[in-house]
Amino acid sequence: MSLSLLLLLGSDATARAFSVLVARYPLPGAKLLRQETENQGPGTKDQGPTEVRELVPGVPIERELAGGETHTYRITLASGQCLHVVIDQQGIEVVVTLFEPDSQKITKVWSMGRMEEPMPVYLVAEKSGEHRLEVSPHEAKAPPARYRIRIEDVRDTTQQDKKRFAAERIFEEGRQGRIQGTAESLRKANEKFEEALTLWRAVGFRAGETGTLNNLGIVNYSLGENQKALEYWGQLLLFRRAEGNRGAEADTLDNIGLVYYYMGEYQRALDCFSQALSVWRAMGSRWAESYSLNSIGGTYYALGQYEKSLDYHNQALQLRRALGDRFGEAGTLNLMGRVHLSVGEKEKALEYYEQALRLGRAIGNRVREADALRGIGKVHQGLGEVQKALEYYDQALPLARARGDRRGEASTLTSIGEAYYSLGEYEKALSYYGEALPLCRAMADRSVEAVALAGIARVERARGNLTEARAQIEAALTIIESLRSSVASQELRTSYFASKGNHYGFYTDLLMRLHQRQPSAGHEAVALQASERARARSLLETLAEARANIGQSVDPSLLERERTLQQQLNAKEQRRMQLLSGKHTEEQATVAEKEVRELLTQYQEVQAQIRVKSPRYAALTQPQPLSLREIQQQVLDDDTLLLEYALGEGRSFLWAVTPSSITSYELPKRKEIEDAAQRVYNMFLTEEDVIKPEPVLALSRMLLGPVADQLGKKRLVIVADGALQYLPFAALPAPGVRSQKSEVRSETPHHASRITHHELLIVDHEIIALPSASVLVVLRKELAGRAPAAKRVAVLADPVFQNDDLRVKTRDPRLKTQDHSSNPQSTIRNPQSEEPAVLRSGRETGMLRFDRLPLSRIEANEIAALAPKGQQLKALDFQANRATATSPELSRYRIVHFATHGLLNNVHPELSGVVLSLVDEQGQPQDGFLRLHEIYNLSLGADLVVLSACQTALGKEMKGEGLVGLSRGFMYAGAPRVVASLWKVDDEATAELMKRFYRGMLKESLRPAPALRAAQISMRQVKRWRSPRFWAGFVLQGEWQ
């Protein structure tokens, strides 16, 4: 079983993995664990002298057999004769070992069909004399049951007999190679199974064919050849369904699901696990059902859908308790603790871990006990109860060591190191981290190695050893980036490293400390580059969560090669880890290291080809942040000042960059800045008569005060962080100007007040937002040489969201839409999802119902009227749908305007998107949600995309992933600039601002950035629209030239 799958499903997945990946199938519901070795195989119990019975034609023998027993039979054959024996298995599955007259073992024959079917055994005698057959139970602890053995025929050997006997022997050779489990033995096993498969097909023995297909799936899975494993198991699944063997069908579905999970294709994995679950339930196999439920729960956990994960784990828990499966129950309790801990519900996590601990101790299972102890320690550490955490870690550590669990040992050591670090006991922390490090390296566990290195870096920073700290954190980051490119990076996302920017934030802070010590050493430039890399990493996380297929523009053969190498590299690395964590020879370690190194070289070569041929794809998947010099030369000009912010837990930073200089400043910690930004954000949305300017001025001075003397009248390119991505800088006063009034009243009693006109940044500055400075260079490279789109503007507006809309032709009063607050699925149902993504994202962005935007129609008409005749596309009503949005026709327009609900979801950024018509002309539900991953797959020729009605979900933490993900998606699709609203702006104000904005572009030939600035300034000059909430929410991201 791969490490990533063990982490997905919990430690009880070990049993489940081997129970699924076996060569034959037992009776439905029987315990499936079958780890076969020569030392622990069937019938190996020492029984002393054994009775030998003679097999006689026409005289069947019926006997009872139990685990640990062996029945021996003899028959005399002449050379060239073929013995055909049939065994009827009556409740016990058997294995038959064949011996020559000189007691030399010939081969083993396994039951590869259903137990209720007769098991054929063929022996082709190559020597004359007494041959022996030994019959043993497959399960070492099988309960007593009966079987019947008889001679079907003794005849001269035919060619068919020879083929069949050869197939048995070759199959057994392959099975032995599979059990041995080295890369070399698995490759040889694969060859043997392929040879056996050909022979089984030649003689028409279906049971042999299906058993061999299953083994080919196992071997290829173990070698990392996931596509081949899927092909073999796919063939097997068809056979199982054709023969009506439902238990075997469900096992095969579980196999396929595990491979899909391993490949990161979670939805396909869920489909397989769910189908298997249905079969187990139909068969009444509750034990197997509980494992499928756990697999589904683990997959939902990997997807970040914690409520669903808990639901399925809870179902598994109830079943296991009803069945008395205490081992399984303890495993599920640990998994439920893990989920609650991940969502911050520490008390609930503690409750489940403590139940698992009590149960693990009651049944004497050290695995369950150690997992629970480690979980309890993490909970107490999260609660700040470090001494308590240490008590539990100290109990978990010897258990891990006693059972040879080197990974568990290393993980516990790093947790102890972290605990001592938080107590300020740095020497002890270093000791434990140092103890973990060689363990990680010895078993090639790079993810835990990265944790240990980062821990050492933190300790060294605390001790003032900044240079040593830098070396350690850079080593950790190198590992993280290398792991991120493999399929197993999913594991890393849900681990200690999952908090976005955590280690890059530490690295940035460390570099700035070094800059304070050595101001001329260039550390601040490296810190800026680290900040850029952190932003690229955050975007990659969002794309991974959205499962965006961003490779459509890349040569398919290159992508397939990249993916194949990823899978092979991951499989080899996991196999190397498994090898090194147990007993092994130096030669085995050397061979494993060489295999990984060769694959890594091939993988790096393919990535280099992709960078050359598909720079846009490479910029996302292999981000190469710009250096300071590159930013200065390729991004900036003399009229532009770059302001890049990085918010940190202890302190934050601002870099001000011009073509010839860089200056860095220390700012307050993240919480102080984000609290102030949240207050101002809320203030800009208010309808109160009076706004006190002090908080706005204070925020401006906090963020811009250090660079006040550099602002002049330059264009400000702002790379914000966290909550600052939702702050409309245009509405902030210039930091050097002090207000002459303690409060400023608006000229009308119904609109928010304003700060006097000359104070605002927008008056003297064109303001541009960027996800990162590095992004702009990619955009410019993409645009170089691209011919302008043939037509001017396409507008999608006023979609139909509800089936009770007056525009629906066949309105039925019975279809009247209910309030989503009482029934969130009343209107739109997606058969592929328990809750449609559009409804979930709408709920999380505060939209319980998607109401019509009637003024968006006016907005669309006025925009279209400004464009030359024949140069515009206006898609209204039902035509404002996904088909229009994804049509190649849209690529012919320079401006694409969406006058509809846009969802900027920071709670779940992958659910950001654009809402189009959700019903058709007959009022039937249809998919009208253009999701983030679909936006990345658009092919636009537009110079500008406008999203004029965005609804924002800020969540508990005011992050910017929703905005960045959506705007960056349109940039990736081909648009170098995006205008979006930071909040839901009043419909009438939006229509008015958009009319002024488009007049500037289409009639006055202004570039988008100055056109937007002019429109916003002109709106402020109108008494009715003076409040920032009517105009300041619109920002331009991307290219300003």
Foldseek 3Di string as FASTA:
>chain_A
DFPLVCLLLDVVVVQVVQLLQDLADAPFQDRRRAQADPCPFFQPADDDDADEAEADAPDKDKDKAFANHKYKYKDWDAAQKKWKKKKQQFQFFKKKWKAAQVRHTQFIAGFQDYNRDIRIDMDHHRHGTMMMIMITTGDNGGGMDMMMMHTPDMGGDDPLSVLLNLLRRLQRQLVNLVSVLALVSLVSSLVSLVSSLVSCVVSVPVSSNLSSLSNNLSSCVLLLVLVSSCVSLVVSLVVCVVVVVLSSNLSSLQSNLVSCVLLLNLLSSLVSLVVSLVSCVVVVNLLVNLSSLSSNLSSCVLLVVLVSSLVSLVVSLVSCVVVVVLVSNLRSLLVNLLSCVLVPNLVSSLVSLVVSLVSCVVVVNLSSNLSSLQSNLVSCVVVVNLVSSVVSLVVNQVSCVVVLVLVSNLQSLQSNLVSCVVVVVLVSSLVSLVVSQVSCVLLVVLLSNLSSLQSNLSSCVVVVNLVSSLVSLVVSVVSLLVCCLASSNSVVCSDPNVPQCPSLLVNLVSLVVVCVVPVPPCSNQVSQLSVQVSLLVLLLVLCSSLVFPLCPVPDVVLVVLLSSLRSSLSSLSSSSSVQSSDDDDPVSNVVSVVVNVVSVVVNVVSLVVCCVVPVLVCCNSVNDGDGLQCLLVQPADQQEWEWEKAAAQQWIKIWIHHSVDIDMDIAGHPVVLLVLQVVVLVLLQDQAFKDFCVSLLVNLCRRCVVCLVVPQLGAYEYQYFFLVVLHLLQQGFRNVDDAPDRIAGAPDRGGYGHGDDVGGSLVRYQYAYAPGSRVQSVLVVLCVPQDAFQFAEEEQFFEAAFLCDPQQDARDVVLDADFLVVPVPSQADDPSDPHDLVSVLCVLLPHRGFDTLVLRVVLQVLLVVLTPPPRYHYQHYNSSAPCVVQPPVQQRYQEYEYHGEFEQEPVNLQSTFGAHHQAHSNSHGDDGTCTLSNLLVGAHSYQEYEYQAYRYRCPPTNGRSSVNSNQVSNSNNNHQKYKYFSHGADSVLSSQLSSQLSCCCRVVVDFNSVSLSVSLSVLCVDSVRVRCSSRSRIHMYGDRD
